[in-house]
Amino acid sequence: MTTGEPIPLGVWPLIPFIYILYKMIFPWSSRKAAWTVAFKVFIGPFVSVTFLMNYVGDVFTSLVKPIVDMTYGLCFFMTGDFLQHLGEQGVCQNKEGIWASYIVPIIVLGPYWFRFMQCMRRYYDTRDKKNIYNGIKYALAMCVTIFSVFNPPLKAHVEGGGWTTYQIFWTFAYASSTLYTYSWDIFMDWSLGDRNHSLLRERRMFRSKGVYYVAIVADLLLRFLWTYTLIPEKDQSNFSRGVSLSLAVAPFAAIAEICRRTMWR
């Protein structure tokens, strides 16, 4: 770019991106504690898990989509894809490339792997089997992503419109993960299901029972939506008749997860 030429439009998003990265690290005196806890979450199997580490690890599982978006930003700016013209396919946009096929799935798996190992460490320290059952929740979530990544070429929608054996097992993994996690929400995190109190619990914040029944139904729908975000974009067509719904779901998934989290009380 010579003197007098306008700055390419693709350069402007780089400015706020660099600022965000800067504020994530500096001032270090204020960020050190947060990064220390995050590091301990990453090495969860090798250190005893405190409540704060458990909480931060759980937060990471809700930030999977923003984390993936952040890493996509790194990809765009590090590879120079952000300077390409509209319609040109670079490293980050190539759905069959290394980034989409390997790096993104690993990033999606990361938070769930850390939480799974935290659960195993807590079981090792306490011998409380509840931690194993909690760990299964994250193991099933990882299965959804792994099953999506290592998939065979799909021809079912071309000939006959039927489902392949792979798609059947894939759907089973998707449903199992969602329903197991949903059951954990209702019976463990929310402590509902008491037959003596209309399948709710004795102590409740709201007088109206209807609020809790609505929350129970809403949590099921939101869990299915959130599990869908665990599927790498290039593999979402396996569940949606050859059409990726990620562009439609993405703007609402993170908001829906925040709403679901607020229903914990």
Protein backbone atom coordinates (compact mmCIF):
# COMPACT_ATOMS: atom_id res chain seq x y z
CA MET A 1 0.00 0.00 0.00
CA THR A 2 1.55 3.29 -1.12
CA THR A 3 1.15 6.72 0.43
CA GLY A 4 -2.25 8.23 -0.24
CA GLU A 5 -4.07 4.93 -0.82
CA PRO A 6 -7.05 4.29 1.46
CA ILE A 7 -6.73 1.71 4.21
CA PRO A 8 -8.39 -1.57 3.12
CA LEU A 9 -11.75 -2.11 4.81
CA GLY A 10 -10.59 -5.46 6.12
CA VAL A 11 -7.97 -3.75 8.29
CA TRP A 12 -10.45 -1.80 10.41
CA PRO A 13 -11.80 -4.85 12.35
CA LEU A 14 -8.21 -5.59 13.32
CA ILE A 15 -8.10 -2.49 15.52
CA PRO A 16 -10.85 -3.47 18.03
CA PHE A 17 -9.66 -7.09 17.91
CA ILE A 18 -6.17 -6.11 19.02
CA TYR A 19 -7.67 -3.88 21.72
CA ILE A 20 -9.74 -6.81 23.06
CA LEU A 21 -6.66 -9.04 23.18
CA TYR A 22 -4.73 -6.28 24.92
CA LYS A 23 -7.40 -5.81 27.60
CA MET A 24 -7.49 -9.57 28.20
CA ILE A 25 -3.88 -9.37 29.43
CA PHE A 26 -3.27 -5.84 30.67
CA PRO A 27 -3.16 -4.50 33.30
CA TRP A 28 -1.54 -7.75 34.39
CA SER A 29 -1.99 -7.01 38.09
CA SER A 30 -5.77 -7.20 37.57
CA ARG A 31 -5.73 -10.08 35.07
CA LYS A 32 -3.22 -12.33 36.82
CA ALA A 33 -5.75 -13.93 39.18
CA ALA A 34 -8.15 -14.77 36.36
CA TRP A 35 -5.43 -16.29 34.17
CA THR A 36 -4.10 -18.26 37.14
CA VAL A 37 -7.49 -19.85 37.72
CA ALA A 38 -7.89 -20.53 34.00
CA PHE A 39 -4.49 -22.25 33.95
CA LYS A 40 -5.49 -24.43 36.90
CA VAL A 41 -8.64 -25.41 35.01
CA PHE A 42 -6.47 -26.52 32.07
CA ILE A 43 -4.37 -28.74 34.35
CA GLY A 44 -7.42 -29.97 36.28
CA PRO A 45 -6.38 -33.64 36.51
CA PHE A 46 -3.14 -32.73 38.29
CA VAL A 47 -4.43 -30.35 40.99
CA SER A 48 -7.26 -30.54 43.51
CA VAL A 49 -10.37 -28.81 42.21
CA THR A 50 -11.67 -25.91 44.28
CA PHE A 51 -15.15 -24.41 43.99
CA LEU A 52 -13.76 -21.47 42.00
CA MET A 53 -11.99 -23.78 39.54
CA ASN A 54 -15.15 -25.83 39.21
CA TYR A 55 -17.19 -22.68 38.57
CA VAL A 56 -14.77 -21.28 35.98
CA GLY A 57 -14.62 -24.64 34.21
CA ASP A 58 -18.40 -24.66 34.02
CA VAL A 59 -18.40 -21.12 32.62
CA PHE A 60 -16.01 -22.23 29.88
CA THR A 61 -18.52 -24.85 28.71
CA SER A 62 -21.06 -22.06 28.21
CA LEU A 63 -18.54 -19.97 26.28
CA VAL A 64 -17.73 -22.57 23.64
CA LYS A 65 -19.30 -20.56 20.82
CA PRO A 66 -17.62 -17.23 21.74
CA ILE A 67 -14.28 -19.04 22.14
CA VAL A 68 -14.64 -20.56 18.67
CA ASP A 69 -15.52 -17.13 17.26
CA MET A 70 -12.45 -15.62 18.95
CA THR A 71 -10.17 -18.27 17.47
CA TYR A 72 -11.76 -17.72 14.06
CA GLY A 73 -10.80 -14.07 14.46
CA LEU A 74 -7.21 -15.10 15.17
CA CYS A 75 -7.29 -17.28 12.07
CA PHE A 76 -8.60 -14.49 9.86
CA PHE A 77 -6.01 -11.96 11.00
CA MET A 78 -3.02 -14.32 11.23
CA THR A 79 -3.55 -15.85 7.76
CA GLY A 80 -4.51 -12.61 6.02
CA ASP A 81 -7.98 -13.88 5.09
CA PHE A 82 -9.46 -10.60 6.31
CA LEU A 83 -7.87 -8.82 3.32
CA GLN A 84 -9.54 -11.03 0.74
CA HIS A 85 -12.41 -9.87 -1.39
CA LEU A 86 -15.95 -10.97 -0.67
CA GLY A 87 -16.58 -14.43 -2.09
CA GLU A 88 -12.94 -15.55 -2.05
CA GLN A 89 -12.26 -18.65 0.04
CA GLY A 90 -9.27 -18.56 2.33
CA VAL A 91 -7.83 -20.86 4.96
CA CYS A 92 -10.49 -20.12 7.56
CA GLN A 93 -13.49 -20.42 5.22
CA ASN A 94 -12.41 -23.76 3.74
CA LYS A 95 -14.75 -26.26 5.38
CA GLU A 96 -12.54 -29.16 4.32
CA GLY A 97 -9.30 -27.57 5.47
CA ILE A 98 -7.21 -28.19 8.57
CA TRP A 99 -8.81 -25.34 10.50
CA ALA A 100 -12.42 -26.48 10.13
CA SER A 101 -11.65 -30.21 10.20
CA TYR A 102 -9.31 -30.36 13.19
CA ILE A 103 -8.61 -27.12 15.03
CA VAL A 104 -12.23 -26.01 15.54
CA PRO A 105 -13.39 -29.46 16.80
CA ILE A 106 -10.48 -29.50 19.26
CA ILE A 107 -11.47 -26.06 20.52
CA VAL A 108 -15.09 -27.21 20.93
CA LEU A 109 -13.96 -30.31 22.82
CA GLY A 110 -11.53 -28.42 25.09
CA PRO A 111 -13.88 -26.98 27.75
CA TYR A 112 -15.79 -30.26 28.06
CA TRP A 113 -12.57 -32.25 28.35
CA PHE A 114 -11.33 -29.97 31.14
CA ARG A 115 -14.62 -30.29 33.03
CA PHE A 116 -14.61 -34.06 32.56
CA MET A 117 -11.11 -34.30 34.01
CA GLN A 118 -12.12 -32.03 36.89
CA CYS A 119 -14.92 -34.44 37.71
CA MET A 120 -12.53 -37.38 37.62
CA ARG A 121 -10.10 -35.54 39.88
CA ARG A 122 -12.86 -34.71 42.36
CA TYR A 123 -13.88 -38.37 42.41
CA TYR A 124 -10.25 -39.32 43.05
CA ASP A 125 -10.10 -36.90 45.98
CA THR A 126 -13.54 -37.55 47.51
CA ARG A 127 -14.61 -40.99 46.19
CA ASP A 128 -18.06 -39.49 45.69
CA LYS A 129 -19.66 -41.30 42.72
CA LYS A 130 -21.76 -38.25 41.98
CA ASN A 131 -18.68 -36.80 40.30
CA ILE A 132 -18.55 -39.76 37.91
CA TYR A 133 -22.18 -39.28 36.95
CA ASN A 134 -21.47 -35.58 36.43
CA GLY A 135 -18.47 -36.46 34.29
CA ILE A 136 -20.64 -38.62 32.03
CA LYS A 137 -22.51 -35.45 31.09
CA TYR A 138 -19.38 -33.93 29.60
CA ALA A 139 -18.23 -37.21 28.06
CA LEU A 140 -21.50 -37.46 26.13
CA ALA A 141 -21.12 -33.87 24.95
CA MET A 142 -17.69 -34.73 23.58
CA CYS A 143 -19.13 -37.76 21.81
CA VAL A 144 -21.46 -35.49 19.84
CA THR A 145 -18.54 -33.49 18.46
CA ILE A 146 -16.32 -36.52 17.85
CA PHE A 147 -19.13 -38.37 16.10
CA SER A 148 -19.69 -35.35 13.88
CA VAL A 149 -16.04 -34.90 12.92
CA PHE A 150 -15.24 -38.49 11.98
CA ASN A 151 -18.15 -39.06 9.63
CA PRO A 152 -18.39 -40.92 6.33
CA PRO A 153 -19.56 -39.27 3.11
CA LEU A 154 -23.34 -38.95 3.18
CA LYS A 155 -25.41 -40.15 0.22
CA ALA A 156 -28.66 -40.90 2.00
CA HIS A 157 -30.37 -37.69 0.91
CA VAL A 158 -29.42 -38.24 -2.71
CA GLU A 159 -30.78 -41.74 -3.12
CA GLY A 160 -34.03 -42.69 -1.42
CA GLY A 161 -33.97 -40.02 1.27
CA GLY A 162 -33.34 -42.59 4.01
CA TRP A 163 -30.90 -42.43 6.90
CA THR A 164 -27.56 -44.22 6.97
CA THR A 165 -26.42 -46.30 9.95
CA TYR A 166 -24.01 -43.53 10.82
CA GLN A 167 -26.78 -40.94 10.95
CA ILE A 168 -28.86 -43.15 13.23
CA PHE A 169 -26.03 -43.55 15.72
CA TRP A 170 -25.18 -39.85 15.38
CA THR A 171 -28.75 -38.87 16.25
CA PHE A 172 -28.70 -41.31 19.18
CA ALA A 173 -25.54 -39.66 20.53
CA TYR A 174 -27.09 -36.21 20.09
CA ALA A 175 -30.32 -37.17 21.87
CA SER A 176 -28.54 -39.10 24.65
CA SER A 177 -26.24 -36.20 25.47
CA THR A 178 -29.11 -33.71 25.55
CA LEU A 179 -31.49 -35.84 27.60
CA TYR A 180 -28.84 -36.91 30.10
CA THR A 181 -27.72 -33.32 30.63
CA TYR A 182 -31.33 -32.19 30.86
CA SER A 183 -32.06 -34.84 33.51
CA TRP A 184 -29.04 -33.66 35.48
CA ASP A 185 -30.35 -30.09 35.35
CA ILE A 186 -33.76 -31.07 36.66
CA PHE A 187 -32.94 -33.65 39.30
CA MET A 188 -29.49 -32.59 40.50
CA ASP A 189 -28.85 -28.89 39.81
CA TRP A 190 -32.47 -27.84 40.36
CA SER A 191 -33.29 -30.53 42.94
CA LEU A 192 -36.72 -31.04 41.43
CA GLY A 193 -38.68 -34.28 41.03
CA ASP A 194 -39.96 -34.65 44.61
CA ARG A 195 -43.23 -36.63 44.38
CA ASN A 196 -44.43 -35.14 47.65
CA HIS A 197 -44.33 -31.64 46.17
CA SER A 198 -45.87 -32.09 42.70
CA LEU A 199 -42.51 -33.13 41.19
CA LEU A 200 -40.95 -29.89 42.37
CA ARG A 201 -39.23 -29.26 45.72
CA GLU A 202 -40.25 -28.12 49.15
CA ARG A 203 -38.41 -24.80 49.20
CA ARG A 204 -39.11 -22.60 46.19
CA MET A 205 -38.35 -18.97 45.40
CA PHE A 206 -41.64 -18.37 43.55
CA ARG A 207 -45.09 -19.16 44.90
CA SER A 208 -46.50 -20.11 41.52
CA LYS A 209 -45.73 -23.71 40.58
CA GLY A 210 -46.38 -22.90 36.95
CA VAL A 211 -43.11 -20.96 36.77
CA TYR A 212 -41.17 -24.12 37.52
CA TYR A 213 -43.11 -26.27 35.06
CA VAL A 214 -42.47 -23.71 32.31
CA ALA A 215 -38.77 -23.69 33.24
CA ILE A 216 -38.64 -27.50 33.03
CA VAL A 217 -40.03 -27.47 29.48
CA ALA A 218 -37.92 -24.48 28.42
CA ASP A 219 -34.74 -26.11 29.71
CA LEU A 220 -35.34 -29.14 27.49
CA LEU A 221 -35.72 -26.99 24.37
CA LEU A 222 -32.72 -24.83 25.25
CA ARG A 223 -30.57 -27.89 25.94
CA PHE A 224 -31.30 -29.28 22.48
CA LEU A 225 -30.38 -25.89 21.00
CA TRP A 226 -27.13 -25.70 22.95
CA THR A 227 -26.06 -29.24 22.09
CA TYR A 228 -26.47 -28.30 18.44
CA THR A 229 -23.72 -25.69 18.86
CA LEU A 230 -21.27 -28.47 19.82
CA ILE A 231 -21.38 -29.70 16.23
CA PRO A 232 -18.73 -28.19 13.94
CA GLU A 233 -20.40 -26.08 11.25
CA LYS A 234 -19.24 -28.27 8.38
CA ASP A 235 -20.92 -31.31 9.95
CA GLN A 236 -24.27 -29.81 10.92
CA SER A 237 -25.83 -30.92 7.64
CA ASN A 238 -25.81 -34.50 8.99
CA PHE A 239 -28.74 -33.63 11.23
CA SER A 240 -30.58 -31.04 9.18
CA ARG A 241 -31.20 -32.71 5.81
CA GLY A 242 -28.11 -31.33 4.16
CA VAL A 243 -28.60 -27.75 5.38
CA SER A 244 -26.37 -26.03 7.94
CA LEU A 245 -28.45 -24.11 10.44
CA SER A 246 -25.46 -22.59 12.24
CA LEU A 247 -25.95 -19.13 10.74
CA ALA A 248 -29.55 -19.08 11.97
CA VAL A 249 -28.86 -20.64 15.38
CA ALA A 250 -25.62 -18.89 16.32
CA PRO A 251 -27.07 -15.44 17.19
CA PHE A 252 -29.60 -17.01 19.56
CA ALA A 253 -27.64 -19.91 21.06
CA ALA A 254 -25.43 -17.82 23.34
CA ILE A 255 -28.36 -15.66 24.47
CA ALA A 256 -30.48 -18.75 25.07
CA GLU A 257 -27.71 -20.30 27.17
CA ILE A 258 -27.54 -17.18 29.35
CA CYS A 259 -31.31 -17.35 29.84
CA ARG A 260 -31.09 -21.04 30.71
CA ARG A 261 -28.38 -20.38 33.27
CA THR A 262 -30.52 -17.73 34.95
CA MET A 263 -33.22 -20.35 35.60
CA TRP A 264 -31.00 -22.26 38.03
CA ARG A 265 -32.74 -20.58 40.95
